Amino acid sequence: HLMSGLLPTGMSREQLNGLVVARLAWAAERASA
């Protein structure tokens, strides 16, 4: 389980979604290997 973390002060979930998807995609590629 990859814990998502706490929202940084002043930032919204919408602002962070792209970053989270990119990180999860990198992690999934490593997990696939």
Full PDB file with SEQRES, HELIX, SHEET, SSBOND, CRYST1, ORIGX, SCALE, CONECT and MASTER records, all heavy atoms in Angstrom:
SEQRES   1 A   33  HIS LEU MET SER GLY LEU LEU PRO THR GLY MET SER ARG          
SEQRES   2 A   33  GLU GLN LEU ASN GLY LEU VAL VAL ALA ARG LEU ALA TRP          
SEQRES   3 A   33  ALA ALA GLU ARG ALA SER ALA                                  
HELIX    1 AA1 ARG A   13  SER A   32  1                                  20    
CRYST1    1.000    1.000    1.000  90.00  90.00  90.00 P 1           1          
ORIGX1      1.000000  0.000000  0.000000        0.00000                         
ORIGX2      0.000000  1.000000  0.000000        0.00000                         
ORIGX3      0.000000  0.000000  1.000000        0.00000                         
SCALE1      1.000000  0.000000  0.000000        0.00000                         
SCALE2      0.000000  1.000000  0.000000        0.00000                         
SCALE3      0.000000  0.000000  1.000000        0.00000                         
ATOM      1  N   HIS A   1       0.845  -1.196   0.000  1.00  0.00           N  
ATOM      2  CA  HIS A   1       0.000   0.000   0.000  1.00  0.00           C  
ATOM      3  C   HIS A   1       0.878   1.242   0.000  1.00  0.00           C  
ATOM      4  O   HIS A   1       1.719   1.421   0.891  1.00  0.00           O  
ATOM      5  CB  HIS A   1      -0.903  -0.019   1.241  1.00  0.00           C  
ATOM      6  CG  HIS A   1      -1.642   1.252   1.476  1.00  0.00           C  
ATOM      7  ND1 HIS A   1      -1.904   1.728   2.744  1.00  0.00           N  
ATOM      8  CD2 HIS A   1      -2.164   2.165   0.623  1.00  0.00           C  
ATOM      9  CE1 HIS A   1      -2.558   2.861   2.655  1.00  0.00           C  
ATOM     10  NE2 HIS A   1      -2.724   3.153   1.378  1.00  0.00           N  
ATOM     11  N   LEU A   2       0.677   2.106  -0.988  1.00  0.00           N  
ATOM     12  CA  LEU A   2       1.371   3.394  -1.048  1.00  0.00           C  
ATOM     13  C   LEU A   2       0.481   4.458  -0.416  1.00  0.00           C  
ATOM     14  O   LEU A   2      -0.528   4.864  -0.996  1.00  0.00           O  
ATOM     15  CB  LEU A   2       1.681   3.775  -2.495  1.00  0.00           C  
ATOM     16  CG  LEU A   2       2.608   2.865  -3.284  1.00  0.00           C  
ATOM     17  CD1 LEU A   2       2.875   3.461  -4.664  1.00  0.00           C  
ATOM     18  CD2 LEU A   2       3.921   2.639  -2.545  1.00  0.00           C  
ATOM     19  N   MET A   3       0.842   4.918   0.763  1.00  0.00           N  
ATOM     20  CA  MET A   3       0.064   5.959   1.424  1.00  0.00           C  
ATOM     21  C   MET A   3       0.200   7.266   0.649  1.00  0.00           C  
ATOM     22  O   MET A   3       1.281   7.631   0.186  1.00  0.00           O  
ATOM     23  CB  MET A   3       0.506   6.120   2.867  1.00  0.00           C  
ATOM     24  CG  MET A   3       0.301   4.881   3.715  1.00  0.00           C  
ATOM     25  SD  MET A   3       0.498   5.192   5.491  1.00  0.00           S  
ATOM     26  CE  MET A   3      -1.006   6.118   5.830  1.00  0.00           C  
ATOM     27  N   SER A   4      -0.907   7.976   0.517  1.00  0.00           N  
ATOM     28  CA  SER A   4      -0.941   9.162  -0.339  1.00  0.00           C  
ATOM     29  C   SER A   4      -0.298  10.380   0.293  1.00  0.00           C  
ATOM     30  O   SER A   4       0.228  11.242  -0.413  1.00  0.00           O  
ATOM     31  CB  SER A   4      -2.391   9.494  -0.692  1.00  0.00           C  
ATOM     32  OG  SER A   4      -2.985   8.434  -1.393  1.00  0.00           O  
ATOM     33  N   GLY A   5      -0.360  10.497   1.615  1.00  0.00           N  
ATOM     34  CA  GLY A   5       0.181  11.660   2.293  1.00  0.00           C  
ATOM     35  C   GLY A   5      -0.894  12.677   2.632  1.00  0.00           C  
ATOM     36  O   GLY A   5      -2.044  12.589   2.196  1.00  0.00           O  
ATOM     37  N   LEU A   6      -0.518  13.675   3.427  1.00  0.00           N  
ATOM     38  CA  LEU A   6      -1.417  14.748   3.839  1.00  0.00           C  
ATOM     39  C   LEU A   6      -1.323  15.901   2.844  1.00  0.00           C  
ATOM     40  O   LEU A   6      -0.240  16.222   2.346  1.00  0.00           O  
ATOM     41  CB  LEU A   6      -1.050  15.238   5.239  1.00  0.00           C  
ATOM     42  CG  LEU A   6      -0.988  14.176   6.332  1.00  0.00           C  
ATOM     43  CD1 LEU A   6      -0.679  14.833   7.687  1.00  0.00           C  
ATOM     44  CD2 LEU A   6      -2.281  13.370   6.419  1.00  0.00           C  
ATOM     45  N   LEU A   7      -2.451  16.535   2.594  1.00  0.00           N  
ATOM     46  CA  LEU A   7      -2.468  17.665   1.668  1.00  0.00           C  
ATOM     47  C   LEU A   7      -1.523  18.769   2.140  1.00  0.00           C  
ATOM     48  O   LEU A   7      -1.601  19.205   3.287  1.00  0.00           O  
ATOM     49  CB  LEU A   7      -3.883  18.238   1.581  1.00  0.00           C  
ATOM     50  CG  LEU A   7      -4.857  17.604   0.601  1.00  0.00           C  
ATOM     51  CD1 LEU A   7      -6.253  18.145   0.852  1.00  0.00           C  
ATOM     52  CD2 LEU A   7      -4.430  17.864  -0.831  1.00  0.00           C  
ATOM     53  N   PRO A   8      -0.632  19.242   1.288  1.00  0.00           N  
ATOM     54  CA  PRO A   8       0.214  20.371   1.667  1.00  0.00           C  
ATOM     55  C   PRO A   8      -0.634  21.623   1.882  1.00  0.00           C  
ATOM     56  O   PRO A   8      -1.656  21.823   1.212  1.00  0.00           O  
ATOM     57  CB  PRO A   8       1.156  20.552   0.464  1.00  0.00           C  
ATOM     58  CG  PRO A   8       1.065  19.276  -0.299  1.00  0.00           C  
ATOM     59  CD  PRO A   8      -0.310  18.732  -0.054  1.00  0.00           C  
ATOM     60  N   THR A   9      -0.202  22.458   2.793  1.00  0.00           N  
ATOM     61  CA  THR A   9      -0.939  23.688   3.087  1.00  0.00           C  
ATOM     62  C   THR A   9      -1.119  24.524   1.825  1.00  0.00           C  
ATOM     63  O   THR A   9      -0.174  24.759   1.067  1.00  0.00           O  
ATOM     64  CB  THR A   9      -0.186  24.515   4.138  1.00  0.00           C  
ATOM     65  OG1 THR A   9      -0.017  23.723   5.314  1.00  0.00           O  
ATOM     66  CG2 THR A   9      -0.960  25.783   4.496  1.00  0.00           C  
ATOM     67  N   GLY A  10      -2.355  24.945   1.605  1.00  0.00           N  
ATOM     68  CA  GLY A  10      -2.644  25.835   0.488  1.00  0.00           C  
ATOM     69  C   GLY A  10      -2.821  25.158  -0.847  1.00  0.00           C  
ATOM     70  O   GLY A  10      -3.008  25.839  -1.864  1.00  0.00           O  
ATOM     71  N   MET A  11      -2.782  23.834  -0.896  1.00  0.00           N  
ATOM     72  CA  MET A  11      -2.945  23.128  -2.164  1.00  0.00           C  
ATOM     73  C   MET A  11      -4.190  22.248  -2.117  1.00  0.00           C  
ATOM     74  O   MET A  11      -4.576  21.729  -1.063  1.00  0.00           O  
ATOM     75  CB  MET A  11      -1.709  22.283  -2.477  1.00  0.00           C  
ATOM     76  CG  MET A  11      -0.431  23.100  -2.631  1.00  0.00           C  
ATOM     77  SD  MET A  11       0.902  22.173  -3.433  1.00  0.00           S  
ATOM     78  CE  MET A  11       0.315  22.157  -5.134  1.00  0.00           C  
ATOM     79  N   SER A  12      -4.813  22.073  -3.269  1.00  0.00           N  
ATOM     80  CA  SER A  12      -6.027  21.274  -3.360  1.00  0.00           C  
ATOM     81  C   SER A  12      -5.729  19.919  -3.988  1.00  0.00           C  
ATOM     82  O   SER A  12      -4.696  19.717  -4.639  1.00  0.00           O  
ATOM     83  CB  SER A  12      -7.071  21.994  -4.221  1.00  0.00           C  
ATOM     84  OG  SER A  12      -6.647  22.026  -5.582  1.00  0.00           O  
ATOM     85  N   ARG A  13      -6.663  19.016  -3.830  1.00  0.00           N  
ATOM     86  CA  ARG A  13      -6.531  17.705  -4.468  1.00  0.00           C  
ATOM     87  C   ARG A  13      -6.466  17.842  -5.986  1.00  0.00           C  
ATOM     88  O   ARG A  13      -5.703  17.136  -6.649  1.00  0.00           O  
ATOM     89  CB  ARG A  13      -7.697  16.814  -4.047  1.00  0.00           C  
ATOM     90  CG  ARG A  13      -7.633  16.412  -2.569  1.00  0.00           C  
ATOM     91  CD  ARG A  13      -8.854  15.628  -2.124  1.00  0.00           C  
ATOM     92  NE  ARG A  13      -8.686  15.172  -0.749  1.00  0.00           N  
ATOM     93  CZ  ARG A  13      -8.966  15.914   0.325  1.00  0.00           C  
ATOM     94  NH1 ARG A  13      -9.449  17.141   0.165  1.00  0.00           N  
ATOM     95  NH2 ARG A  13      -8.760  15.442   1.542  1.00  0.00           N  
ATOM     96  N   GLU A  14      -7.254  18.754  -6.531  1.00  0.00           N  
ATOM     97  CA  GLU A  14      -7.264  18.941  -7.987  1.00  0.00           C  
ATOM     98  C   GLU A  14      -5.892  19.386  -8.482  1.00  0.00           C  
ATOM     99  O   GLU A  14      -5.422  18.924  -9.540  1.00  0.00           O  
ATOM    100  CB  GLU A  14      -8.331  19.963  -8.369  1.00  0.00           C  
ATOM    101  CG  GLU A  14      -9.760  19.500  -8.164  1.00  0.00           C  
ATOM    102  CD  GLU A  14     -10.185  19.445  -6.696  1.00  0.00           C  
ATOM    103  OE1 GLU A  14      -9.541  20.112  -5.856  1.00  0.00           O  
ATOM    104  OE2 GLU A  14     -11.164  18.736  -6.386  1.00  0.00           O  
ATOM    105  N   GLN A  15      -5.244  20.262  -7.750  1.00  0.00           N  
ATOM    106  CA  GLN A  15      -3.920  20.723  -8.152  1.00  0.00           C  
ATOM    107  C   GLN A  15      -2.883  19.601  -8.136  1.00  0.00           C  
ATOM    108  O   GLN A  15      -1.922  19.630  -8.905  1.00  0.00           O  
ATOM    109  CB  GLN A  15      -3.455  21.846  -7.215  1.00  0.00           C  
ATOM    110  CG  GLN A  15      -4.177  23.169  -7.383  1.00  0.00           C  
ATOM    111  CD  GLN A  15      -3.762  24.161  -6.311  1.00  0.00           C  
ATOM    112  OE1 GLN A  15      -3.959  23.930  -5.116  1.00  0.00           O  
ATOM    113  NE2 GLN A  15      -3.186  25.271  -6.728  1.00  0.00           N  
ATOM    114  N   LEU A  16      -3.071  18.621  -7.270  1.00  0.00           N  
ATOM    115  CA  LEU A  16      -2.061  17.582  -7.060  1.00  0.00           C  
ATOM    116  C   LEU A  16      -2.331  16.309  -7.845  1.00  0.00           C  
ATOM    117  O   LEU A  16      -1.471  15.419  -7.883  1.00  0.00           O  
ATOM    118  CB  LEU A  16      -1.971  17.254  -5.569  1.00  0.00           C  
ATOM    119  CG  LEU A  16      -1.425  18.388  -4.698  1.00  0.00           C  
ATOM    120  CD1 LEU A  16      -1.707  18.109  -3.229  1.00  0.00           C  
ATOM    121  CD2 LEU A  16       0.069  18.560  -4.921  1.00  0.00           C  
ATOM    122  N   ASN A  17      -3.497  16.196  -8.465  1.00  0.00           N  
ATOM    123  CA  ASN A  17      -3.866  14.937  -9.119  1.00  0.00           C  
ATOM    124  C   ASN A  17      -2.853  14.511 -10.174  1.00  0.00           C  
ATOM    125  O   ASN A  17      -2.496  13.336 -10.274  1.00  0.00           O  
ATOM    126  CB  ASN A  17      -5.248  15.060  -9.754  1.00  0.00           C  
ATOM    127  CG  ASN A  17      -6.331  14.416  -8.908  1.00  0.00           C  
ATOM    128  OD1 ASN A  17      -6.063  13.825  -7.862  1.00  0.00           O  
ATOM    129  ND2 ASN A  17      -7.556  14.542  -9.352  1.00  0.00           N  
ATOM    130  N   GLY A  18      -2.404  15.452 -10.999  1.00  0.00           N  
ATOM    131  CA  GLY A  18      -1.456  15.105 -12.053  1.00  0.00           C  
ATOM    132  C   GLY A  18      -0.157  14.557 -11.489  1.00  0.00           C  
ATOM    133  O   GLY A  18       0.391  13.572 -12.011  1.00  0.00           O  
ATOM    134  N   LEU A  19       0.331  15.183 -10.428  1.00  0.00           N  
ATOM    135  CA  LEU A  19       1.552  14.708  -9.771  1.00  0.00           C  
ATOM    136  C   LEU A  19       1.348  13.296  -9.224  1.00  0.00           C  
ATOM    137  O   LEU A  19       2.209  12.419  -9.388  1.00  0.00           O  
ATOM    138  CB  LEU A  19       1.930  15.655  -8.635  1.00  0.00           C  
ATOM    139  CG  LEU A  19       3.043  15.174  -7.694  1.00  0.00           C  
ATOM    140  CD1 LEU A  19       4.386  15.169  -8.421  1.00  0.00           C  
ATOM    141  CD2 LEU A  19       3.111  16.046  -6.443  1.00  0.00           C  
ATOM    142  N   VAL A  20       0.210  13.067  -8.576  1.00  0.00           N  
ATOM    143  CA  VAL A  20      -0.060  11.764  -7.971  1.00  0.00           C  
ATOM    144  C   VAL A  20      -0.148  10.679  -9.044  1.00  0.00           C  
ATOM    145  O   VAL A  20       0.424   9.586  -8.892  1.00  0.00           O  
ATOM    146  CB  VAL A  20      -1.342  11.821  -7.126  1.00  0.00           C  
ATOM    147  CG1 VAL A  20      -1.790  10.431  -6.703  1.00  0.00           C  
ATOM    148  CG2 VAL A  20      -1.119  12.705  -5.895  1.00  0.00           C  
ATOM    149  N   VAL A  21      -0.818  10.961 -10.148  1.00  0.00           N  
ATOM    150  CA  VAL A  21      -0.908   9.980 -11.228  1.00  0.00           C  
ATOM    151  C   VAL A  21       0.474   9.655 -11.775  1.00  0.00           C  
ATOM    152  O   VAL A  21       0.815   8.479 -12.005  1.00  0.00           O  
ATOM    153  CB  VAL A  21      -1.839  10.486 -12.353  1.00  0.00           C  
ATOM    154  CG1 VAL A  21      -1.729   9.600 -13.593  1.00  0.00           C  
ATOM    155  CG2 VAL A  21      -3.285  10.515 -11.867  1.00  0.00           C  
ATOM    156  N   ALA A  22       1.306  10.678 -11.977  1.00  0.00           N  
ATOM    157  CA  ALA A  22       2.653  10.446 -12.506  1.00  0.00           C  
ATOM    158  C   ALA A  22       3.479   9.592 -11.551  1.00  0.00           C  
ATOM    159  O   ALA A  22       4.201   8.679 -11.982  1.00  0.00           O  
ATOM    160  CB  ALA A  22       3.347  11.779 -12.763  1.00  0.00           C  
ATOM    161  N   ARG A  23       3.372   9.858 -10.267  1.00  0.00           N  
ATOM    162  CA  ARG A  23       4.146   9.074  -9.294  1.00  0.00           C  
ATOM    163  C   ARG A  23       3.635   7.641  -9.208  1.00  0.00           C  
ATOM    164  O   ARG A  23       4.419   6.693  -9.127  1.00  0.00           O  
ATOM    165  CB  ARG A  23       4.117   9.769  -7.932  1.00  0.00           C  
ATOM    166  CG  ARG A  23       5.013  11.012  -7.902  1.00  0.00           C  
ATOM    167  CD  ARG A  23       5.169  11.557  -6.518  1.00  0.00           C  
ATOM    168  NE  ARG A  23       6.130  12.657  -6.519  1.00  0.00           N  
ATOM    169  CZ  ARG A  23       6.279  13.508  -5.507  1.00  0.00           C  
ATOM    170  NH1 ARG A  23       5.526  13.370  -4.414  1.00  0.00           N  
ATOM    171  NH2 ARG A  23       7.172  14.475  -5.574  1.00  0.00           N  
ATOM    172  N   LEU A  24       2.327   7.485  -9.216  1.00  0.00           N  
ATOM    173  CA  LEU A  24       1.779   6.126  -9.166  1.00  0.00           C  
ATOM    174  C   LEU A  24       2.152   5.342 -10.419  1.00  0.00           C  
ATOM    175  O   LEU A  24       2.415   4.141 -10.343  1.00  0.00           O  
ATOM    176  CB  LEU A  24       0.264   6.175  -8.996  1.00  0.00           C  
ATOM    177  CG  LEU A  24      -0.253   6.686  -7.644  1.00  0.00           C  
ATOM    178  CD1 LEU A  24      -1.769   6.797  -7.667  1.00  0.00           C  
ATOM    179  CD2 LEU A  24       0.203   5.792  -6.497  1.00  0.00           C  
ATOM    180  N   ALA A  25       2.194   6.017 -11.555  1.00  0.00           N  
ATOM    181  CA  ALA A  25       2.581   5.333 -12.796  1.00  0.00           C  
ATOM    182  C   ALA A  25       4.034   4.870 -12.723  1.00  0.00           C  
ATOM    183  O   ALA A  25       4.369   3.749 -13.138  1.00  0.00           O  
ATOM    184  CB  ALA A  25       2.375   6.265 -13.986  1.00  0.00           C  
ATOM    185  N   TRP A  26       4.911   5.716 -12.195  1.00  0.00           N  
ATOM    186  CA  TRP A  26       6.320   5.315 -12.032  1.00  0.00           C  
ATOM    187  C   TRP A  26       6.422   4.124 -11.081  1.00  0.00           C  
ATOM    188  O   TRP A  26       7.127   3.144 -11.356  1.00  0.00           O  
ATOM    189  CB  TRP A  26       7.146   6.489 -11.498  1.00  0.00           C  
ATOM    190  CG  TRP A  26       8.569   6.108 -11.202  1.00  0.00           C  
ATOM    191  CD1 TRP A  26       9.618   6.095 -12.076  1.00  0.00           C  
ATOM    192  CD2 TRP A  26       9.091   5.642  -9.945  1.00  0.00           C  
ATOM    193  NE1 TRP A  26      10.765   5.654 -11.446  1.00  0.00           N  
ATOM    194  CE2 TRP A  26      10.468   5.370 -10.138  1.00  0.00           C  
ATOM    195  CE3 TRP A  26       8.537   5.434  -8.675  1.00  0.00           C  
ATOM    196  CZ2 TRP A  26      11.297   4.898  -9.119  1.00  0.00           C  
ATOM    197  CZ3 TRP A  26       9.352   4.956  -7.654  1.00  0.00           C  
ATOM    198  CH2 TRP A  26      10.714   4.694  -7.881  1.00  0.00           C  
ATOM    199  N   ALA A  27       5.704   4.198  -9.949  1.00  0.00           N  
ATOM    200  CA  ALA A  27       5.759   3.121  -8.962  1.00  0.00           C  
ATOM    201  C   ALA A  27       5.200   1.824  -9.534  1.00  0.00           C  
ATOM    202  O   ALA A  27       5.742   0.735  -9.289  1.00  0.00           O  
ATOM    203  CB  ALA A  27       4.993   3.527  -7.705  1.00  0.00           C  
ATOM    204  N   ALA A  28       4.114   1.914 -10.310  1.00  0.00           N  
ATOM    205  CA  ALA A  28       3.519   0.715 -10.894  1.00  0.00           C  
ATOM    206  C   ALA A  28       4.472   0.065 -11.891  1.00  0.00           C  
ATOM    207  O   ALA A  28       4.532  -1.170 -11.995  1.00  0.00           O  
ATOM    208  CB  ALA A  28       2.199   1.068 -11.566  1.00  0.00           C  
ATOM    209  N   GLU A  29       5.220   0.875 -12.618  1.00  0.00           N  
ATOM    210  CA  GLU A  29       6.206   0.313 -13.548  1.00  0.00           C  
ATOM    211  C   GLU A  29       7.295  -0.429 -12.795  1.00  0.00           C  
ATOM    212  O   GLU A  29       7.709  -1.523 -13.183  1.00  0.00           O  
ATOM    213  CB  GLU A  29       6.816   1.429 -14.394  1.00  0.00           C  
ATOM    214  CG  GLU A  29       7.786   0.932 -15.454  1.00  0.00           C  
ATOM    215  CD  GLU A  29       8.310   2.042 -16.345  1.00  0.00           C  
ATOM    216  OE1 GLU A  29       7.838   3.181 -16.214  1.00  0.00           O  
ATOM    217  OE2 GLU A  29       9.207   1.759 -17.165  1.00  0.00           O  
ATOM    218  N   ARG A  30       7.773   0.145 -11.687  1.00  0.00           N  
ATOM    219  CA  ARG A  30       8.777  -0.527 -10.868  1.00  0.00           C  
ATOM    220  C   ARG A  30       8.200  -1.817 -10.267  1.00  0.00           C  
ATOM    221  O   ARG A  30       8.879  -2.843 -10.205  1.00  0.00           O  
ATOM    222  CB  ARG A  30       9.247   0.397  -9.737  1.00  0.00           C  
ATOM    223  CG  ARG A  30      10.007   1.623 -10.219  1.00  0.00           C  
ATOM    224  CD  ARG A  30      11.376   1.272 -10.794  1.00  0.00           C  
ATOM    225  NE  ARG A  30      12.202   0.610  -9.797  1.00  0.00           N  
ATOM    226  CZ  ARG A  30      12.669  -0.627  -9.901  1.00  0.00           C  
ATOM    227  NH1 ARG A  30      12.396  -1.361 -10.972  1.00  0.00           N  
ATOM    228  NH2 ARG A  30      13.419  -1.134  -8.945  1.00  0.00           N  
ATOM    229  N   ALA A  31       6.945  -1.756  -9.816  1.00  0.00           N  
ATOM    230  CA  ALA A  31       6.308  -2.939  -9.236  1.00  0.00           C  
ATOM    231  C   ALA A  31       6.117  -4.028 -10.287  1.00  0.00           C  
ATOM    232  O   ALA A  31       6.274  -5.215  -9.993  1.00  0.00           O  
ATOM    233  CB  ALA A  31       4.970  -2.555  -8.616  1.00  0.00           C  
ATOM    234  N   SER A  32       5.790  -3.629 -11.494  1.00  0.00           N  
ATOM    235  CA  SER A  32       5.610  -4.596 -12.572  1.00  0.00           C  
ATOM    236  C   SER A  32       6.887  -5.384 -12.815  1.00  0.00           C  
ATOM    237  O   SER A  32       6.856  -6.613 -12.993  1.00  0.00           O  
ATOM    238  CB  SER A  32       5.180  -3.866 -13.849  1.00  0.00           C  
ATOM    239  OG  SER A  32       5.133  -4.752 -14.944  1.00  0.00           O  
ATOM    240  N   ALA A  33       8.022  -4.694 -12.811  1.00  0.00           N  
ATOM    241  CA  ALA A  33       9.306  -5.367 -13.031  1.00  0.00           C  
ATOM    242  C   ALA A  33       9.602  -6.382 -11.944  1.00  0.00           C  
ATOM    243  O   ALA A  33      10.299  -7.380 -12.174  1.00  0.00           O  
ATOM    244  CB  ALA A  33      10.425  -4.329 -13.104  1.00  0.00           C  
TER     245      ALA A  33                                                      
MASTER        0    0    0    1    0    0    0    6  244    1    0    3          
END                                                                             
